[in-house]
């Protein structure tokens, strides 16, 4: 269920970007989704997001910048060792300069650069 929630949220963001909308509303929400959106905000893919009523079903309002071309969450999560993150990145991303692989680690949800810097492995999300 949790993997589907993240995948549907990311598809909603991509569809809103393709329709040139400035705002996307995501329902339902999860803590992993909030961490994922925080990484997207840090990397400059979205402008900002706000969580409304997080204790119930809730919703997240995302302000878009128009920089997201494609974004997917994998329905299966592979375990990645710290030394294998770079190989996985080269295999999964279209070019060396574009895109990020997001990994859930014991230190939280991190992108591939931060996970390599901290030398931690985990399960990949995207």
PDB file of N, CA and C in Angstrom:
ATOM      1  N   UNK A   1       0.824  -1.196   0.000  1.00  0.00           N
ATOM      2  CA  UNK A   1       0.000   0.000   0.000  1.00  0.00           C
ATOM      3  C   UNK A   1       0.864   1.255   0.000  1.00  0.00           C
ATOM      4  N   UNK A   2       1.906   1.324   0.828  1.00  0.00           N
ATOM      5  CA  UNK A   2       2.727   2.512   0.935  1.00  0.00           C
ATOM      6  C   UNK A   2       3.483   2.819  -0.344  1.00  0.00           C
ATOM      7  N   UNK A   3       3.895   1.793  -1.049  1.00  0.00           N
ATOM      8  CA  UNK A   3       4.624   1.996  -2.300  1.00  0.00           C
ATOM      9  C   UNK A   3       3.711   2.566  -3.372  1.00  0.00           C
ATOM     10  N   UNK A   4       2.465   2.125  -3.360  1.00  0.00           N
ATOM     11  CA  UNK A   4       1.496   2.629  -4.320  1.00  0.00           C
ATOM     12  C   UNK A   4       1.161   4.093  -4.069  1.00  0.00           C
ATOM     13  N   UNK A   5       1.123   4.488  -2.794  1.00  0.00           N
ATOM     14  CA  UNK A   5       0.824   5.878  -2.445  1.00  0.00           C
ATOM     15  C   UNK A   5       1.880   6.803  -3.021  1.00  0.00           C
ATOM     16  N   UNK A   6       3.150   6.454  -2.859  1.00  0.00           N
ATOM     17  CA  UNK A   6       4.231   7.280  -3.385  1.00  0.00           C
ATOM     18  C   UNK A   6       4.202   7.314  -4.910  1.00  0.00           C
ATOM     19  N   UNK A   7       3.963   6.179  -5.539  1.00  0.00           N
ATOM     20  CA  UNK A   7       3.920   6.120  -7.001  1.00  0.00           C
ATOM     21  C   UNK A   7       2.782   6.977  -7.550  1.00  0.00           C
ATOM     22  N   UNK A   8       1.596   6.900  -6.937  1.00  0.00           N
ATOM     23  CA  UNK A   8       0.467   7.705  -7.393  1.00  0.00           C
ATOM     24  C   UNK A   8       0.733   9.191  -7.193  1.00  0.00           C
ATOM     25  N   UNK A   9       1.381   9.561  -6.110  1.00  0.00           N
ATOM     26  CA  UNK A   9       1.702  10.965  -5.859  1.00  0.00           C
ATOM     27  C   UNK A   9       2.674  11.492  -6.909  1.00  0.00           C
ATOM     28  N   UNK A  10       3.688  10.710  -7.236  1.00  0.00           N
ATOM     29  CA  UNK A  10       4.656  11.142  -8.236  1.00  0.00           C
ATOM     30  C   UNK A  10       4.024  11.232  -9.623  1.00  0.00           C
ATOM     31  N   UNK A  11       3.130  10.323  -9.948  1.00  0.00           N
ATOM     32  CA  UNK A  11       2.429  10.395 -11.234  1.00  0.00           C
ATOM     33  C   UNK A  11       1.548  11.646 -11.281  1.00  0.00           C
ATOM     34  N   UNK A  12       0.927  12.011 -10.155  1.00  0.00           N
ATOM     35  CA  UNK A  12       0.112  13.220 -10.091  1.00  0.00           C
ATOM     36  C   UNK A  12       0.966  14.454 -10.348  1.00  0.00           C
ATOM     37  N   UNK A  13       2.167  14.492  -9.779  1.00  0.00           N
ATOM     38  CA  UNK A  13       3.076  15.626  -9.988  1.00  0.00           C
ATOM     39  C   UNK A  13       3.485  15.708 -11.457  1.00  0.00           C
ATOM     40  N   UNK A  14       3.848  14.588 -12.051  1.00  0.00           N
ATOM     41  CA  UNK A  14       4.271  14.578 -13.460  1.00  0.00           C
ATOM     42  C   UNK A  14       3.122  15.003 -14.368  1.00  0.00           C
ATOM     43  N   UNK A  15       1.903  14.520 -14.110  1.00  0.00           N
ATOM     44  CA  UNK A  15       0.754  14.888 -14.942  1.00  0.00           C
ATOM     45  C   UNK A  15       0.432  16.377 -14.804  1.00  0.00           C
ATOM     46  N   UNK A  16       0.543  16.923 -13.595  1.00  0.00           N
ATOM     47  CA  UNK A  16       0.294  18.357 -13.396  1.00  0.00           C
ATOM     48  C   UNK A  16       1.354  19.190 -14.119  1.00  0.00           C
ATOM     49  N   UNK A  17       2.605  18.730 -14.102  1.00  0.00           N
ATOM     50  CA  UNK A  17       3.674  19.430 -14.823  1.00  0.00           C
ATOM     51  C   UNK A  17       3.406  19.423 -16.324  1.00  0.00           C
ATOM     52  N   UNK A  18       2.958  18.310 -16.854  1.00  0.00           N
ATOM     53  CA  UNK A  18       2.691  18.211 -18.295  1.00  0.00           C
ATOM     54  C   UNK A  18       1.530  19.099 -18.715  1.00  0.00           C
ATOM     55  N   UNK A  19       0.595  19.333 -17.800  1.00  0.00           N
ATOM     56  CA  UNK A  19      -0.544  20.200 -18.099  1.00  0.00           C
ATOM     57  C   UNK A  19      -0.261  21.659 -17.745  1.00  0.00           C
ATOM     58  N   UNK A  20       0.973  21.951 -17.365  1.00  0.00           N
ATOM     59  CA  UNK A  20       1.421  23.308 -17.017  1.00  0.00           C
ATOM     60  C   UNK A  20       0.631  23.913 -15.866  1.00  0.00           C
ATOM     61  N   UNK A  21       0.273  23.091 -14.894  1.00  0.00           N
ATOM     62  CA  UNK A  21      -0.399  23.598 -13.706  1.00  0.00           C
ATOM     63  C   UNK A  21       0.654  24.044 -12.704  1.00  0.00           C
ATOM     64  N   UNK A  22       0.315  25.002 -11.878  1.00  0.00           N
ATOM     65  CA  UNK A  22       1.255  25.527 -10.896  1.00  0.00           C
ATOM     66  C   UNK A  22       1.207  24.797  -9.575  1.00  0.00           C
ATOM     67  N   UNK A  23       0.115  24.070  -9.322  1.00  0.00           N
ATOM     68  CA  UNK A  23      -0.086  23.415  -8.031  1.00  0.00           C
ATOM     69  C   UNK A  23      -0.623  22.006  -8.260  1.00  0.00           C
ATOM     70  N   UNK A  24      -0.147  21.074  -7.444  1.00  0.00           N
ATOM     71  CA  UNK A  24      -0.672  19.702  -7.459  1.00  0.00           C
ATOM     72  C   UNK A  24      -1.078  19.335  -6.041  1.00  0.00           C
ATOM     73  N   UNK A  25      -2.212  18.654  -5.903  1.00  0.00           N
ATOM     74  CA  UNK A  25      -2.673  18.187  -4.596  1.00  0.00           C
ATOM     75  C   UNK A  25      -2.519  16.681  -4.518  1.00  0.00           C
ATOM     76  N   UNK A  26      -1.869  16.221  -3.467  1.00  0.00           N
ATOM     77  CA  UNK A  26      -1.586  14.800  -3.295  1.00  0.00           C
ATOM     78  C   UNK A  26      -2.383  14.260  -2.125  1.00  0.00           C
ATOM     79  N   UNK A  27      -3.076  13.140  -2.355  1.00  0.00           N
ATOM     80  CA  UNK A  27      -3.815  12.455  -1.296  1.00  0.00           C
ATOM     81  C   UNK A  27      -3.688  10.970  -1.514  1.00  0.00           C
ATOM     82  N   UNK A  28      -3.646  10.134  -0.555  1.00  0.00           N
ATOM     83  CA  UNK A  28      -3.309  10.351   0.860  1.00  0.00           C
ATOM     84  C   UNK A  28      -1.819  10.621   1.004  1.00  0.00           C
ATOM     85  N   UNK A  29      -1.370  10.821   2.232  1.00  0.00           N
ATOM     86  CA  UNK A  29       0.022  11.195   2.446  1.00  0.00           C
ATOM     87  C   UNK A  29       0.727  10.158   3.317  1.00  0.00           C
ATOM     88  N   UNK A  30       2.058  10.224   3.308  1.00  0.00           N
ATOM     89  CA  UNK A  30       2.863   9.365   4.173  1.00  0.00           C
ATOM     90  C   UNK A  30       4.133  10.119   4.551  1.00  0.00           C
ATOM     91  N   UNK A  31       4.826   9.644   5.546  1.00  0.00           N
ATOM     92  CA  UNK A  31       6.061  10.306   5.974  1.00  0.00           C
ATOM     93  C   UNK A  31       7.160  10.138   4.937  1.00  0.00           C
ATOM     94  N   UNK A  32       7.190   9.002   4.248  1.00  0.00           N
ATOM     95  CA  UNK A  32       8.182   8.794   3.190  1.00  0.00           C
ATOM     96  C   UNK A  32       7.947   9.787   2.066  1.00  0.00           C
ATOM     97  N   UNK A  33       6.686  10.054   1.739  1.00  0.00           N
ATOM     98  CA  UNK A  33       6.367  11.021   0.697  1.00  0.00           C
ATOM     99  C   UNK A  33       6.847  12.418   1.082  1.00  0.00           C
ATOM    100  N   UNK A  34       6.667  12.799   2.336  1.00  0.00           N
ATOM    101  CA  UNK A  34       7.139  14.107   2.801  1.00  0.00           C
ATOM    102  C   UNK A  34       8.660  14.197   2.706  1.00  0.00           C
ATOM    103  N   UNK A  35       9.359  13.142   3.072  1.00  0.00           N
ATOM    104  CA  UNK A  35      10.819  13.128   2.960  1.00  0.00           C
ATOM    105  C   UNK A  35      11.256  13.202   1.501  1.00  0.00           C
ATOM    106  N   UNK A  36      10.549  12.492   0.633  1.00  0.00           N
ATOM    107  CA  UNK A  36      10.853  12.508  -0.797  1.00  0.00           C
ATOM    108  C   UNK A  36      10.655  13.910  -1.371  1.00  0.00           C
ATOM    109  N   UNK A  37       9.552  14.566  -1.003  1.00  0.00           N
ATOM    110  CA  UNK A  37       9.292  15.919  -1.477  1.00  0.00           C
ATOM    111  C   UNK A  37      10.321  16.908  -0.944  1.00  0.00           C
ATOM    112  N   UNK A  38      10.809  16.662   0.252  1.00  0.00           N
ATOM    113  CA  UNK A  38      11.849  17.522   0.822  1.00  0.00           C
ATOM    114  C   UNK A  38      13.127  17.429  -0.009  1.00  0.00           C
ATOM    115  N   UNK A  39      13.472  16.229  -0.477  1.00  0.00           N
ATOM    116  CA  UNK A  39      14.636  16.063  -1.352  1.00  0.00           C
ATOM    117  C   UNK A  39      14.395  16.776  -2.680  1.00  0.00           C
ATOM    118  N   UNK A  40      13.188  16.654  -3.234  1.00  0.00           N
ATOM    119  CA  UNK A  40      12.876  17.341  -4.489  1.00  0.00           C
ATOM    120  C   UNK A  40      12.971  18.857  -4.326  1.00  0.00           C
ATOM    121  N   UNK A  41      12.552  19.357  -3.173  1.00  0.00           N
ATOM    122  CA  UNK A  41      12.638  20.790  -2.910  1.00  0.00           C
ATOM    123  C   UNK A  41      14.090  21.232  -2.779  1.00  0.00           C
ATOM    124  N   UNK A  42      14.896  20.453  -2.075  1.00  0.00           N
ATOM    125  CA  UNK A  42      16.312  20.781  -1.896  1.00  0.00           C
ATOM    126  C   UNK A  42      17.039  20.808  -3.234  1.00  0.00           C
ATOM    127  N   UNK A  43      16.721  19.891  -4.119  1.00  0.00           N
ATOM    128  CA  UNK A  43      17.377  19.805  -5.423  1.00  0.00           C
ATOM    129  C   UNK A  43      16.789  20.761  -6.455  1.00  0.00           C
ATOM    130  N   UNK A  44      15.728  21.488  -6.111  1.00  0.00           N
ATOM    131  CA  UNK A  44      15.188  22.506  -7.002  1.00  0.00           C
ATOM    132  C   UNK A  44      14.177  22.008  -8.012  1.00  0.00           C
ATOM    133  N   UNK A  45      13.562  20.873  -7.782  1.00  0.00           N
ATOM    134  CA  UNK A  45      12.566  20.359  -8.713  1.00  0.00           C
ATOM    135  C   UNK A  45      11.169  20.889  -8.419  1.00  0.00           C
ATOM    136  N   UNK A  46      10.887  21.207  -7.156  1.00  0.00           N
ATOM    137  CA  UNK A  46       9.616  21.820  -6.793  1.00  0.00           C
ATOM    138  C   UNK A  46       9.904  23.072  -5.982  1.00  0.00           C
ATOM    139  N   UNK A  47       8.941  23.987  -5.965  1.00  0.00           N
ATOM    140  CA  UNK A  47       9.135  25.246  -5.246  1.00  0.00           C
ATOM    141  C   UNK A  47       8.940  25.064  -3.749  1.00  0.00           C
ATOM    142  N   UNK A  48       7.803  24.511  -3.362  1.00  0.00           N
ATOM    143  CA  UNK A  48       7.500  24.328  -1.942  1.00  0.00           C
ATOM    144  C   UNK A  48       6.349  23.337  -1.822  1.00  0.00           C
ATOM    145  N   UNK A  49       6.157  22.823  -0.625  1.00  0.00           N
ATOM    146  CA  UNK A  49       4.994  21.972  -0.365  1.00  0.00           C
ATOM    147  C   UNK A  49       4.510  22.221   1.051  1.00  0.00           C
ATOM    148  N   UNK A  50       3.211  22.035   1.245  1.00  0.00           N
ATOM    149  CA  UNK A  50       2.602  22.217   2.557  1.00  0.00           C
ATOM    150  C   UNK A  50       1.744  21.005   2.867  1.00  0.00           C
ATOM    151  N   UNK A  51       1.856  20.531   4.109  1.00  0.00           N
ATOM    152  CA  UNK A  51       1.087  19.378   4.564  1.00  0.00           C
ATOM    153  C   UNK A  51      -0.131  19.895   5.318  1.00  0.00           C
ATOM    154  N   UNK A  52      -1.322  19.467   4.902  1.00  0.00           N
ATOM    155  CA  UNK A  52      -2.564  19.855   5.551  1.00  0.00           C
ATOM    156  C   UNK A  52      -3.143  18.646   6.277  1.00  0.00           C
ATOM    157  N   UNK A  53      -3.392  18.782   7.569  1.00  0.00           N
ATOM    158  CA  UNK A  53      -4.021  17.751   8.400  1.00  0.00           C
ATOM    159  C   UNK A  53      -3.278  16.411   8.329  1.00  0.00           C
ATOM    160  N   UNK A  54      -2.025  16.353   8.815  1.00  0.00           N
ATOM    161  CA  UNK A  54      -1.226  15.124   8.692  1.00  0.00           C
ATOM    162  C   UNK A  54      -1.692  13.974   9.583  1.00  0.00           C
ATOM    163  N   UNK A  55      -2.524  14.242  10.595  1.00  0.00           N
ATOM    164  CA  UNK A  55      -2.919  13.180  11.523  1.00  0.00           C
ATOM    165  C   UNK A  55      -4.076  12.340  11.008  1.00  0.00           C
ATOM    166  N   UNK A  56      -4.778  12.833  10.017  1.00  0.00           N
ATOM    167  CA  UNK A  56      -5.853  12.061   9.415  1.00  0.00           C
ATOM    168  C   UNK A  56      -5.403  11.646   8.017  1.00  0.00           C
ATOM    169  N   UNK A  57      -6.316  11.561   7.094  1.00  0.00           N
ATOM    170  CA  UNK A  57      -5.940  11.184   5.730  1.00  0.00           C
ATOM    171  C   UNK A  57      -5.037  12.259   5.142  1.00  0.00           C
ATOM    172  N   UNK A  58      -5.400  13.517   5.300  1.00  0.00           N
ATOM    173  CA  UNK A  58      -4.559  14.644   4.928  1.00  0.00           C
ATOM    174  C   UNK A  58      -4.363  14.821   3.441  1.00  0.00           C
ATOM    175  N   UNK A  59      -3.690  15.927   3.123  1.00  0.00           N
ATOM    176  CA  UNK A  59      -3.310  16.188   1.743  1.00  0.00           C
ATOM    177  C   UNK A  59      -2.062  17.059   1.757  1.00  0.00           C
ATOM    178  N   UNK A  60      -1.353  17.037   0.655  1.00  0.00           N
ATOM    179  CA  UNK A  60      -0.158  17.853   0.479  1.00  0.00           C
ATOM    180  C   UNK A  60      -0.378  18.710  -0.757  1.00  0.00           C
ATOM    181  N   UNK A  61      -0.129  20.007  -0.614  1.00  0.00           N
ATOM    182  CA  UNK A  61      -0.194  20.927  -1.738  1.00  0.00           C
ATOM    183  C   UNK A  61       1.229  21.223  -2.186  1.00  0.00           C
ATOM    184  N   UNK A  62       1.536  20.920  -3.437  1.00  0.00           N
ATOM    185  CA  UNK A  62       2.880  21.081  -3.981  1.00  0.00           C
ATOM    186  C   UNK A  62       2.879  22.206  -5.012  1.00  0.00           C
ATOM    187  N   UNK A  63       3.767  23.193  -4.830  1.00  0.00           N
ATOM    188  CA  UNK A  63       3.937  24.256  -5.814  1.00  0.00           C
ATOM    189  C   UNK A  63       5.021  23.818  -6.794  1.00  0.00           C
ATOM    190  N   UNK A  64       4.674  23.805  -8.070  1.00  0.00           N
ATOM    191  CA  UNK A  64       5.554  23.256  -9.094  1.00  0.00           C
ATOM    192  C   UNK A  64       6.362  24.342  -9.789  1.00  0.00           C
ATOM    193  N   UNK A  65       7.536  23.960 -10.275  1.00  0.00           N
ATOM    194  CA  UNK A  65       8.401  24.877 -11.020  1.00  0.00           C
ATOM    195  C   UNK A  65       8.464  24.567 -12.504  1.00  0.00           C
ATOM    196  N   UNK A  66       7.997  23.392 -12.915  1.00  0.00           N
ATOM    197  CA  UNK A  66       8.075  23.009 -14.320  1.00  0.00           C
ATOM    198  C   UNK A  66       9.366  22.299 -14.686  1.00  0.00           C
ATOM    199  N   UNK A  67      10.085  21.750 -13.704  1.00  0.00           N
ATOM    200  CA  UNK A  67      11.360  21.096 -13.969  1.00  0.00           C
ATOM    201  C   UNK A  67      11.286  19.575 -13.958  1.00  0.00           C
ATOM    202  N   UNK A  68      10.158  19.004 -13.590  1.00  0.00           N
ATOM    203  CA  UNK A  68      10.046  17.548 -13.502  1.00  0.00           C
ATOM    204  C   UNK A  68       9.640  17.000 -14.860  1.00  0.00           C
ATOM    205  N   UNK A  69      10.521  16.215 -15.481  1.00  0.00           N
ATOM    206  CA  UNK A  69      10.199  15.566 -16.753  1.00  0.00           C
ATOM    207  C   UNK A  69       9.559  14.213 -16.513  1.00  0.00           C
ATOM    208  N   UNK A  70      10.171  13.421 -15.644  1.00  0.00           N
ATOM    209  CA  UNK A  70       9.632  12.112 -15.321  1.00  0.00           C
ATOM    210  C   UNK A  70      10.099  11.733 -13.925  1.00  0.00           C
ATOM    211  N   UNK A  71       9.237  11.076 -13.192  1.00  0.00           N
ATOM    212  CA  UNK A  71       9.559  10.688 -11.825  1.00  0.00           C
ATOM    213  C   UNK A  71       8.743   9.450 -11.503  1.00  0.00           C
ATOM    214  N   UNK A  72       9.415   8.390 -11.069  1.00  0.00           N
ATOM    215  CA  UNK A  72       8.737   7.123 -10.806  1.00  0.00           C
ATOM    216  C   UNK A  72       9.200   6.551  -9.475  1.00  0.00           C
ATOM    217  N   UNK A  73       8.306   5.880  -8.804  1.00  0.00           N
ATOM    218  CA  UNK A  73       8.666   5.098  -7.629  1.00  0.00           C
ATOM    219  C   UNK A  73       8.571   3.641  -8.024  1.00  0.00           C
ATOM    220  N   UNK A  74       9.557   2.881  -7.664  1.00  0.00           N
ATOM    221  CA  UNK A  74       9.570   1.468  -8.003  1.00  0.00           C
ATOM    222  C   UNK A  74       8.673   0.707  -7.045  1.00  0.00           C
ATOM    223  N   UNK A  75       7.881  -0.219  -7.581  1.00  0.00           N
ATOM    224  CA  UNK A  75       6.981  -0.980  -6.730  1.00  0.00           C
ATOM    225  C   UNK A  75       7.725  -2.079  -5.979  1.00  0.00           C
ATOM    226  N   UNK A  76       8.865  -2.463  -6.469  1.00  0.00           N
ATOM    227  CA  UNK A  76       9.720  -3.395  -5.738  1.00  0.00           C
ATOM    228  C   UNK A  76      10.905  -2.587  -5.216  1.00  0.00           C
ATOM    229  N   UNK A  77      11.372  -2.914  -4.056  1.00  0.00           N
ATOM    230  CA  UNK A  77      12.489  -2.174  -3.475  1.00  0.00           C
ATOM    231  C   UNK A  77      13.669  -3.116  -3.294  1.00  0.00           C
ATOM    232  N   UNK A  78      14.743  -2.798  -3.981  1.00  0.00           N
ATOM    233  CA  UNK A  78      15.950  -3.610  -3.880  1.00  0.00           C
ATOM    234  C   UNK A  78      16.819  -3.078  -2.753  1.00  0.00           C
ATOM    235  N   UNK A  79      17.510  -3.991  -2.094  1.00  0.00           N
ATOM    236  CA  UNK A  79      18.503  -3.582  -1.118  1.00  0.00           C
ATOM    237  C   UNK A  79      19.764  -3.175  -1.858  1.00  0.00           C
ATOM    238  N   UNK A  80      20.320  -2.038  -1.469  1.00  0.00           N
ATOM    239  CA  UNK A  80      21.551  -1.548  -2.077  1.00  0.00           C
ATOM    240  C   UNK A  80      22.618  -1.379  -1.005  1.00  0.00           C
ATOM    241  N   UNK A  81      23.787  -1.912  -1.277  1.00  0.00           N
ATOM    242  CA  UNK A  81      24.925  -1.672  -0.399  1.00  0.00           C
ATOM    243  C   UNK A  81      25.528  -0.326  -0.770  1.00  0.00           C
ATOM    244  N   UNK A  82      26.270   0.247   0.153  1.00  0.00           N
ATOM    245  CA  UNK A  82      26.859   1.569  -0.089  1.00  0.00           C
ATOM    246  C   UNK A  82      27.778   1.558  -1.306  1.00  0.00           C
ATOM    247  N   UNK A  83      28.505   0.466  -1.494  1.00  0.00           N
ATOM    248  CA  UNK A  83      29.437   0.405  -2.626  1.00  0.00           C
ATOM    249  C   UNK A  83      28.724   0.195  -3.963  1.00  0.00           C
ATOM    250  N   UNK A  84      27.474  -0.289  -3.941  1.00  0.00           N
ATOM    251  CA  UNK A  84      26.745  -0.578  -5.175  1.00  0.00           C
ATOM    252  C   UNK A  84      25.850   0.564  -5.645  1.00  0.00           C
ATOM    253  N   UNK A  85      25.741   1.632  -4.878  1.00  0.00           N
ATOM    254  CA  UNK A  85      24.845   2.731  -5.246  1.00  0.00           C
ATOM    255  C   UNK A  85      25.291   3.386  -6.547  1.00  0.00           C
ATOM    256  N   UNK A  86      26.589   3.585  -6.723  1.00  0.00           N
ATOM    257  CA  UNK A  86      27.095   4.235  -7.938  1.00  0.00           C
ATOM    258  C   UNK A  86      26.822   3.371  -9.177  1.00  0.00           C
ATOM    259  N   UNK A  87      26.992   2.052  -9.068  1.00  0.00           N
ATOM    260  CA  UNK A  87      26.704   1.153 -10.191  1.00  0.00           C
ATOM    261  C   UNK A  87      25.215   1.183 -10.539  1.00  0.00           C
ATOM    262  N   UNK A  88      24.374   1.184  -9.509  1.00  0.00           N
ATOM    263  CA  UNK A  88      22.930   1.217  -9.717  1.00  0.00           C
ATOM    264  C   UNK A  88      22.520   2.520 -10.398  1.00  0.00           C
ATOM    265  N   UNK A  89      23.125   3.627  -9.980  1.00  0.00           N
ATOM    266  CA  UNK A  89      22.823   4.930 -10.567  1.00  0.00           C
ATOM    267  C   UNK A  89      23.172   4.943 -12.056  1.00  0.00           C
ATOM    268  N   UNK A  90      24.338   4.420 -12.406  1.00  0.00           N
ATOM    269  CA  UNK A  90      24.748   4.388 -13.803  1.00  0.00           C
ATOM    270  C   UNK A  90      23.835   3.507 -14.652  1.00  0.00           C
ATOM    271  N   UNK A  91      23.321   2.441 -14.041  1.00  0.00           N
ATOM    272  CA  UNK A  91      22.450   1.528 -14.770  1.00  0.00           C
ATOM    273  C   UNK A  91      21.043   2.088 -14.948  1.00  0.00           C
ATOM    274  N   UNK A  92      20.525   2.817 -13.961  1.00  0.00           N
ATOM    275  CA  UNK A  92      19.131   3.231 -13.975  1.00  0.00           C
ATOM    276  C   UNK A  92      18.878   4.612 -14.571  1.00  0.00           C
ATOM    277  N   UNK A  93      19.812   5.555 -14.412  1.00  0.00           N
ATOM    278  CA  UNK A  93      19.576   6.912 -14.887  1.00  0.00           C
ATOM    279  C   UNK A  93      19.983   7.050 -16.347  1.00  0.00           C
ATOM    280  N   UNK A  94      19.295   7.914 -17.110  1.00  0.00           N
ATOM    281  CA  UNK A  94      19.579   8.018 -18.536  1.00  0.00           C
ATOM    282  C   UNK A  94      20.965   8.584 -18.855  1.00  0.00           C
ATOM    283  N   UNK A  95      21.421   9.567 -18.099  1.00  0.00           N
ATOM    284  CA  UNK A  95      22.755  10.134 -18.316  1.00  0.00           C
ATOM    285  C   UNK A  95      23.423  10.370 -16.976  1.00  0.00           C
ATOM    286  N   UNK A  96      24.703  10.690 -17.005  1.00  0.00           N
ATOM    287  CA  UNK A  96      25.441  10.897 -15.760  1.00  0.00           C
ATOM    288  C   UNK A  96      25.062  12.200 -15.074  1.00  0.00           C
ATOM    289  N   UNK A  97      24.635  13.210 -15.836  1.00  0.00           N
ATOM    290  CA  UNK A  97      24.379  14.513 -15.263  1.00  0.00           C
ATOM    291  C   UNK A  97      22.954  14.692 -14.747  1.00  0.00           C
ATOM    292  N   UNK A  98      22.015  13.888 -15.164  1.00  0.00           N
ATOM    293  CA  UNK A  98      20.604  14.130 -14.889  1.00  0.00           C
ATOM    294  C   UNK A  98      20.039  13.086 -13.951  1.00  0.00           C
ATOM    295  N   UNK A  99      19.226  13.521 -13.027  1.00  0.00           N
ATOM    296  CA  UNK A  99      18.440  12.627 -12.202  1.00  0.00           C
ATOM    297  C   UNK A  99      19.091  12.223 -10.902  1.00  0.00           C
ATOM    298  N   UNK A 100      18.271  11.664 -10.035  1.00  0.00           N
ATOM    299  CA  UNK A 100      18.698  11.215  -8.719  1.00  0.00           C
ATOM    300  C   UNK A 100      18.036   9.886  -8.395  1.00  0.00           C
ATOM    301  N   UNK A 101      18.745   9.067  -7.677  1.00  0.00           N
ATOM    302  CA  UNK A 101      18.200   7.837  -7.123  1.00  0.00           C
ATOM    303  C   UNK A 101      17.982   8.114  -5.643  1.00  0.00           C
ATOM    304  N   UNK A 102      16.778   7.862  -5.151  1.00  0.00           N
ATOM    305  CA  UNK A 102      16.445   8.126  -3.758  1.00  0.00           C
ATOM    306  C   UNK A 102      16.444   6.802  -3.003  1.00  0.00           C
ATOM    307  N   UNK A 103      17.106   6.805  -1.848  1.00  0.00           N
ATOM    308  CA  UNK A 103      17.324   5.583  -1.077  1.00  0.00           C
ATOM    309  C   UNK A 103      16.833   5.795   0.351  1.00  0.00           C
ATOM    310  N   UNK A 104      16.085   4.809   0.889  1.00  0.00           N
ATOM    311  CA  UNK A 104      15.742   4.848   2.311  1.00  0.00           C
ATOM    312  C   UNK A 104      16.865   4.160   3.064  1.00  0.00           C
ATOM    313  N   UNK A 105      17.416   4.850   4.045  1.00  0.00           N
ATOM    314  CA  UNK A 105      18.553   4.344   4.809  1.00  0.00           C
ATOM    315  C   UNK A 105      18.222   4.422   6.295  1.00  0.00           C
ATOM    316  N   UNK A 106      19.069   3.865   7.144  1.00  0.00           N
ATOM    317  CA  UNK A 106      18.870   4.059   8.581  1.00  0.00           C
ATOM    318  C   UNK A 106      18.996   5.531   8.996  1.00  0.00           C
ATOM    319  N   UNK A 107      19.642   6.351   8.175  1.00  0.00           N
ATOM    320  CA  UNK A 107      19.785   7.786   8.451  1.00  0.00           C
ATOM    321  C   UNK A 107      18.638   8.595   7.875  1.00  0.00           C
ATOM    322  N   UNK A 108      17.633   7.966   7.307  1.00  0.00           N
ATOM    323  CA  UNK A 108      16.508   8.665   6.707  1.00  0.00           C
ATOM    324  C   UNK A 108      16.475   8.464   5.208  1.00  0.00           C
ATOM    325  N   UNK A 109      15.629   9.227   4.534  1.00  0.00           N
ATOM    326  CA  UNK A 109      15.513   9.154   3.079  1.00  0.00           C
ATOM    327  C   UNK A 109      16.549  10.101   2.480  1.00  0.00           C
ATOM    328  N   UNK A 110      17.463   9.555   1.666  1.00  0.00           N
ATOM    329  CA  UNK A 110      18.568  10.329   1.096  1.00  0.00           C
ATOM    330  C   UNK A 110      18.646  10.096  -0.403  1.00  0.00           C
ATOM    331  N   UNK A 111      19.227  11.065  -1.126  1.00  0.00           N
ATOM    332  CA  UNK A 111      19.507  10.822  -2.537  1.00  0.00           C
ATOM    333  C   UNK A 111      20.840  10.085  -2.644  1.00  0.00           C
ATOM    334  N   UNK A 112      21.189   9.647  -3.866  1.00  0.00           N
ATOM    335  CA  UNK A 112      22.371   8.796  -4.021  1.00  0.00           C
ATOM    336  C   UNK A 112      23.663   9.518  -3.657  1.00  0.00           C
ATOM    337  N   UNK A 113      23.727  10.820  -3.886  1.00  0.00           N
ATOM    338  CA  UNK A 113      24.950  11.561  -3.545  1.00  0.00           C
ATOM    339  C   UNK A 113      25.172  11.614  -2.035  1.00  0.00           C
ATOM    340  N   UNK A 114      24.107  11.928  -1.301  1.00  0.00           N
ATOM    341  CA  UNK A 114      24.228  12.020   0.157  1.00  0.00           C
ATOM    342  C   UNK A 114      24.476  10.639   0.773  1.00  0.00           C
ATOM    343  N   UNK A 115      23.841   9.593   0.232  1.00  0.00           N
ATOM    344  CA  UNK A 115      24.069   8.240   0.747  1.00  0.00           C
ATOM    345  C   UNK A 115      25.513   7.807   0.510  1.00  0.00           C
ATOM    346  N   UNK A 116      26.073   8.150  -0.643  1.00  0.00           N
ATOM    347  CA  UNK A 116      27.476   7.822  -0.911  1.00  0.00           C
ATOM    348  C   UNK A 116      28.406   8.602   0.011  1.00  0.00           C
ATOM    349  N   UNK A 117      28.072   9.872   0.258  1.00  0.00           N
ATOM    350  CA  UNK A 117      28.887  10.703   1.137  1.00  0.00           C
ATOM    351  C   UNK A 117      28.898  10.150   2.567  1.00  0.00           C
ATOM    352  N   UNK A 118      27.721   9.674   3.015  1.00  0.00           N
ATOM    353  CA  UNK A 118      27.617   9.126   4.368  1.00  0.00           C
ATOM    354  C   UNK A 118      28.003   7.653   4.436  1.00  0.00           C
ATOM    355  N   UNK A 119      28.239   7.022   3.282  1.00  0.00           N
ATOM    356  CA  UNK A 119      28.635   5.619   3.172  1.00  0.00           C
ATOM    357  C   UNK A 119      27.603   4.687   3.831  1.00  0.00           C
ATOM    358  N   UNK A 120      26.323   4.884   3.476  1.00  0.00           N
ATOM    359  CA  UNK A 120      25.251   4.030   3.978  1.00  0.00           C
ATOM    360  C   UNK A 120      24.491   3.446   2.799  1.00  0.00           C
ATOM    361  N   UNK A 121      23.964   2.273   2.979  1.00  0.00           N
ATOM    362  CA  UNK A 121      23.125   1.625   1.990  1.00  0.00           C
ATOM    363  C   UNK A 121      21.691   1.603   2.477  1.00  0.00           C
ATOM    364  N   UNK A 122      20.828   0.996   1.697  1.00  0.00           N
ATOM    365  CA  UNK A 122      19.411   0.910   2.085  1.00  0.00           C
ATOM    366  C   UNK A 122      18.600   0.356   0.950  1.00  0.00           C
ATOM    367  N   UNK A 123      17.313   0.710   0.925  1.00  0.00           N
ATOM    368  CA  UNK A 123      16.415   0.281  -0.140  1.00  0.00           C
ATOM    369  C   UNK A 123      16.138   1.466  -1.049  1.00  0.00           C
ATOM    370  N   UNK A 124      16.161   1.223  -2.355  1.00  0.00           N
ATOM    371  CA  UNK A 124      15.929   2.318  -3.280  1.00  0.00           C
ATOM    372  C   UNK A 124      14.439   2.530  -3.485  1.00  0.00           C
ATOM    373  N   UNK A 125      14.071   3.802  -3.607  1.00  0.00           N
ATOM    374  CA  UNK A 125      12.678   4.177  -3.862  1.00  0.00           C
ATOM    375  C   UNK A 125      12.460   4.523  -5.318  1.00  0.00           C
ATOM    376  N   UNK A 126      13.405   5.273  -5.899  1.00  0.00           N
ATOM    377  CA  UNK A 126      13.256   5.746  -7.265  1.00  0.00           C
ATOM    378  C   UNK A 126      14.569   5.654  -7.987  1.00  0.00           C
TER     379      UNK A 126
END
